[in-house]
Amino acid sequence: MSSSTNDKKTHLLQTGQKIFAANGFTNVGLTELLKKAGIPKGSFYYYFSSKEEYGVEVIRYYMNNYTAQIALLFSEPNLSGKERLLSYWGKWNDTQCLNDYEGECLVVKLCSEVTDLSEAMRHEFCVGTTKILSLMTDVIQDGQKDESIPAHLDPVLTAQELYQQWLGASLLTKIQRTDCPFKTALHCTMALLNI
């Protein structure tokens, strides 16, 4: 693929990510999407065979970028494992609240909508969240090595528990339109990590 072709495909993926984060997957028609992206229908089908395939690619694009950001955040050499983990939750709070309560997380926005609709999209979310849990497990282990996170915690189970807790807090934040669920999640996170 040429650079121009890659740019158009990336533009379509970025447009889909924004629209799906705001409106969901099934509420967005192809006409609306193409109008927003400024790309003709024929060009869409050059890149994607269906809206479902497009959805899979948008999820993959989002999850790859998201896990790359987490990996960068977790690789900060001047912070302890605990500090890197807490900076992740702080960033989560900043990006998922912002007082608009739509958030930007496609996992929170689309997961319950598309996992029953499309096995391929469900699988892509599974791949992405598995990467997130792996990165969290690694930083918890780093924190145990530098003694900023208690050694008795099972890193895999702790990563799973924390991620589930924050996903739940994100959903409750959308329902309640308040940041109280994030404050509760942070309180419970700090208690679990013995901070």
Protein backbone atom coordinates (compact mmCIF):
# COMPACT_ATOMS: atom_id res chain seq x y z
CA MET A 1 0.00 0.00 0.00
CA SER A 2 1.23 3.48 -0.86
CA SER A 3 1.65 6.22 1.74
CA SER A 4 -1.48 7.98 0.43
CA THR A 5 -3.47 4.74 0.67
CA ASN A 6 -2.26 4.18 4.24
CA ASP A 7 -3.15 7.78 5.12
CA LYS A 8 -6.72 7.35 3.84
CA LYS A 9 -7.17 4.07 5.68
CA THR A 10 -5.76 5.59 8.89
CA HIS A 11 -8.07 8.58 8.46
CA LEU A 12 -11.05 6.22 8.14
CA LEU A 13 -9.97 4.34 11.28
CA GLN A 14 -9.49 7.55 13.28
CA THR A 15 -12.86 8.87 12.13
CA GLY A 16 -14.55 5.61 13.12
CA GLN A 17 -12.88 5.65 16.52
CA LYS A 18 -14.23 9.15 17.24
CA ILE A 19 -17.74 8.47 15.94
CA PHE A 20 -18.05 5.07 17.66
CA ALA A 21 -16.79 6.53 20.97
CA ALA A 22 -19.54 9.14 20.81
CA ASN A 23 -22.43 7.21 19.24
CA GLY A 24 -21.74 3.48 19.47
CA PHE A 25 -21.38 1.06 16.57
CA THR A 26 -24.92 0.18 15.48
CA ASN A 27 -26.14 3.80 15.69
CA VAL A 28 -23.66 4.92 13.04
CA GLY A 29 -24.59 4.39 9.40
CA LEU A 30 -22.06 4.05 6.63
CA THR A 31 -23.32 7.23 4.94
CA GLU A 32 -22.76 9.28 8.12
CA LEU A 33 -19.31 7.78 8.59
CA LEU A 34 -18.20 8.46 5.02
CA LYS A 35 -19.58 11.99 5.11
CA LYS A 36 -17.67 12.69 8.32
CA ALA A 37 -14.48 11.19 6.85
CA GLY A 38 -14.94 12.94 3.49
CA ILE A 39 -14.35 9.67 1.62
CA PRO A 40 -16.58 8.18 -1.15
CA LYS A 41 -18.38 4.87 -0.63
CA GLY A 42 -16.29 3.08 -3.26
CA SER A 43 -13.11 3.99 -1.42
CA PHE A 44 -14.49 2.50 1.79
CA TYR A 45 -15.01 -0.87 0.10
CA TYR A 46 -11.48 -0.71 -1.28
CA TYR A 47 -10.22 -0.98 2.32
CA PHE A 48 -12.99 -2.95 4.05
CA SER A 49 -15.37 -5.64 2.81
CA SER A 50 -18.09 -4.77 5.36
CA LYS A 51 -18.96 -2.54 8.28
CA GLU A 52 -18.14 -5.46 10.60
CA GLU A 53 -14.63 -5.80 9.16
CA TYR A 54 -14.27 -2.05 9.53
CA GLY A 55 -15.38 -2.33 13.18
CA VAL A 56 -12.73 -5.00 13.79
CA GLU A 57 -10.05 -2.79 12.24
CA VAL A 58 -11.14 0.26 14.27
CA ILE A 59 -10.99 -1.78 17.48
CA ARG A 60 -7.56 -3.17 16.55
CA TYR A 61 -6.29 0.32 15.68
CA TYR A 62 -7.60 1.72 18.97
CA MET A 63 -6.29 -1.15 21.12
CA ASN A 64 -2.83 -1.07 19.48
CA ASN A 65 -2.50 2.67 20.10
CA TYR A 66 -3.86 2.38 23.63
CA THR A 67 -1.51 -0.45 24.63
CA ALA A 68 1.43 1.44 23.09
CA GLN A 69 0.56 4.45 25.29
CA ILE A 70 0.33 2.24 28.38
CA ALA A 71 3.64 0.55 27.55
CA LEU A 72 5.27 3.99 27.27
CA LEU A 73 3.73 5.13 30.55
CA PHE A 74 4.81 1.93 32.29
CA SER A 75 8.38 2.19 31.00
CA GLU A 76 9.10 5.44 32.85
CA PRO A 77 12.47 4.60 34.47
CA ASN A 78 12.36 7.28 37.17
CA LEU A 79 9.14 6.01 38.76
CA SER A 80 8.56 3.03 41.01
CA GLY A 81 6.14 0.32 39.90
CA LYS A 82 3.51 1.74 42.27
CA GLU A 83 3.97 5.27 40.87
CA ARG A 84 3.67 4.01 37.28
CA LEU A 85 0.50 2.10 38.15
CA LEU A 86 -1.02 5.11 39.94
CA SER A 87 -0.15 7.39 37.01
CA TYR A 88 -2.15 5.01 34.79
CA TRP A 89 -5.23 5.36 37.01
CA GLY A 90 -4.79 9.13 37.08
CA LYS A 91 -4.65 9.21 33.30
CA TRP A 92 -7.70 6.91 33.16
CA ASN A 93 -9.64 9.33 35.38
CA ASP A 94 -8.56 12.31 33.25
CA THR A 95 -9.52 10.77 29.91
CA GLN A 96 -12.71 8.99 30.96
CA CYS A 97 -14.36 11.80 32.86
CA LEU A 98 -13.67 15.34 31.60
CA ASN A 99 -17.23 16.21 32.67
CA ASP A 100 -18.71 15.08 29.34
CA TYR A 101 -19.06 11.48 30.54
CA GLU A 102 -18.91 10.13 26.99
CA GLY A 103 -15.29 9.23 27.55
CA GLU A 104 -12.93 8.01 24.89
CA CYS A 105 -12.56 4.36 25.77
CA LEU A 106 -13.94 2.07 23.08
CA VAL A 107 -13.82 -0.86 25.50
CA VAL A 108 -16.28 0.90 27.78
CA LYS A 109 -18.40 2.32 24.94
CA LEU A 110 -18.64 -0.64 22.56
CA CYS A 111 -17.89 -3.83 24.43
CA SER A 112 -21.38 -4.75 25.62
CA GLU A 113 -22.85 -3.61 22.31
CA VAL A 114 -20.70 -5.54 19.86
CA THR A 115 -19.52 -8.66 21.69
CA ASP A 116 -22.86 -10.37 21.13
CA LEU A 117 -23.17 -8.90 17.65
CA SER A 118 -19.81 -9.95 16.21
CA GLU A 119 -17.44 -12.73 17.22
CA ALA A 120 -14.64 -11.02 15.30
CA MET A 121 -15.06 -7.75 17.21
CA ARG A 122 -15.35 -9.62 20.53
CA HIS A 123 -12.12 -11.43 19.73
CA GLU A 124 -10.33 -8.15 18.95
CA PHE A 125 -11.38 -6.71 22.31
CA CYS A 126 -10.18 -9.91 23.97
CA VAL A 127 -6.76 -9.62 22.30
CA GLY A 128 -6.44 -5.97 23.34
CA THR A 129 -7.54 -6.39 26.94
CA THR A 130 -5.22 -9.39 27.32
CA LYS A 131 -2.32 -7.10 26.29
CA ILE A 132 -3.42 -4.49 28.83
CA LEU A 133 -3.56 -7.09 31.61
CA SER A 134 -0.12 -8.37 30.63
CA LEU A 135 1.35 -4.86 30.83
CA MET A 136 -0.29 -4.30 34.21
CA THR A 137 1.00 -7.63 35.49
CA ASP A 138 4.53 -6.68 34.43
CA VAL A 139 4.42 -3.30 36.20
CA ILE A 140 3.02 -4.92 39.36
CA GLN A 141 5.95 -7.37 39.28
CA ASP A 142 8.33 -4.43 38.81
CA GLY A 143 6.71 -2.77 41.83
CA GLN A 144 7.23 -5.93 43.86
CA LYS A 145 10.89 -5.98 42.86
CA ASP A 146 11.40 -2.34 43.87
CA GLU A 147 9.29 -3.01 47.01
CA SER A 148 6.71 -0.31 46.23
CA ILE A 149 3.96 -2.95 45.80
CA PRO A 150 3.39 -5.66 48.43
CA ALA A 151 5.15 -8.93 47.60
CA HIS A 152 2.27 -11.12 48.81
CA LEU A 153 -0.05 -9.99 45.98
CA ASP A 154 -0.47 -12.30 43.00
CA PRO A 155 0.46 -10.02 40.05
CA VAL A 156 -1.92 -11.68 37.56
CA LEU A 157 -4.92 -11.68 39.88
CA THR A 158 -4.18 -8.15 41.10
CA ALA A 159 -4.00 -6.83 37.53
CA GLN A 160 -7.29 -8.57 36.74
CA GLU A 161 -8.99 -7.24 39.87
CA LEU A 162 -7.81 -3.67 39.32
CA TYR A 163 -8.72 -3.61 35.63
CA GLN A 164 -12.19 -4.99 36.31
CA GLN A 165 -12.68 -2.46 39.09
CA TRP A 166 -11.75 0.49 36.88
CA LEU A 167 -13.86 -0.74 33.95
CA GLY A 168 -16.81 -0.99 36.32
CA ALA A 169 -16.07 2.50 37.63
CA SER A 170 -16.05 3.79 34.05
CA LEU A 171 -19.49 2.31 33.42
CA LEU A 172 -20.89 3.73 36.66
CA THR A 173 -19.40 7.13 35.82
CA LYS A 174 -21.35 7.11 32.55
CA ILE A 175 -24.55 6.04 34.34
CA GLN A 176 -24.27 8.41 37.30
CA ARG A 177 -22.57 11.30 35.47
CA THR A 178 -20.25 11.90 38.38
CA ASP A 179 -16.62 11.07 39.11
CA CYS A 180 -17.51 9.41 42.44
CA PRO A 181 -17.00 5.87 41.02
CA PHE A 182 -13.42 6.82 40.07
CA LYS A 183 -12.78 8.17 43.57
CA THR A 184 -14.08 4.89 45.00
CA ALA A 185 -11.95 2.86 42.57
CA LEU A 186 -8.86 4.86 43.53
CA HIS A 187 -9.60 4.38 47.25
CA CYS A 188 -9.97 0.60 46.75
CA THR A 189 -6.86 0.47 44.54
CA MET A 190 -4.78 2.19 47.20
CA ALA A 191 -6.16 -0.12 49.89
CA LEU A 192 -5.33 -3.20 47.80
CA LEU A 193 -1.81 -1.95 47.13
CA ASN A 194 -1.43 -1.06 50.83
CA ILE A 195 -0.76 2.60 50.13
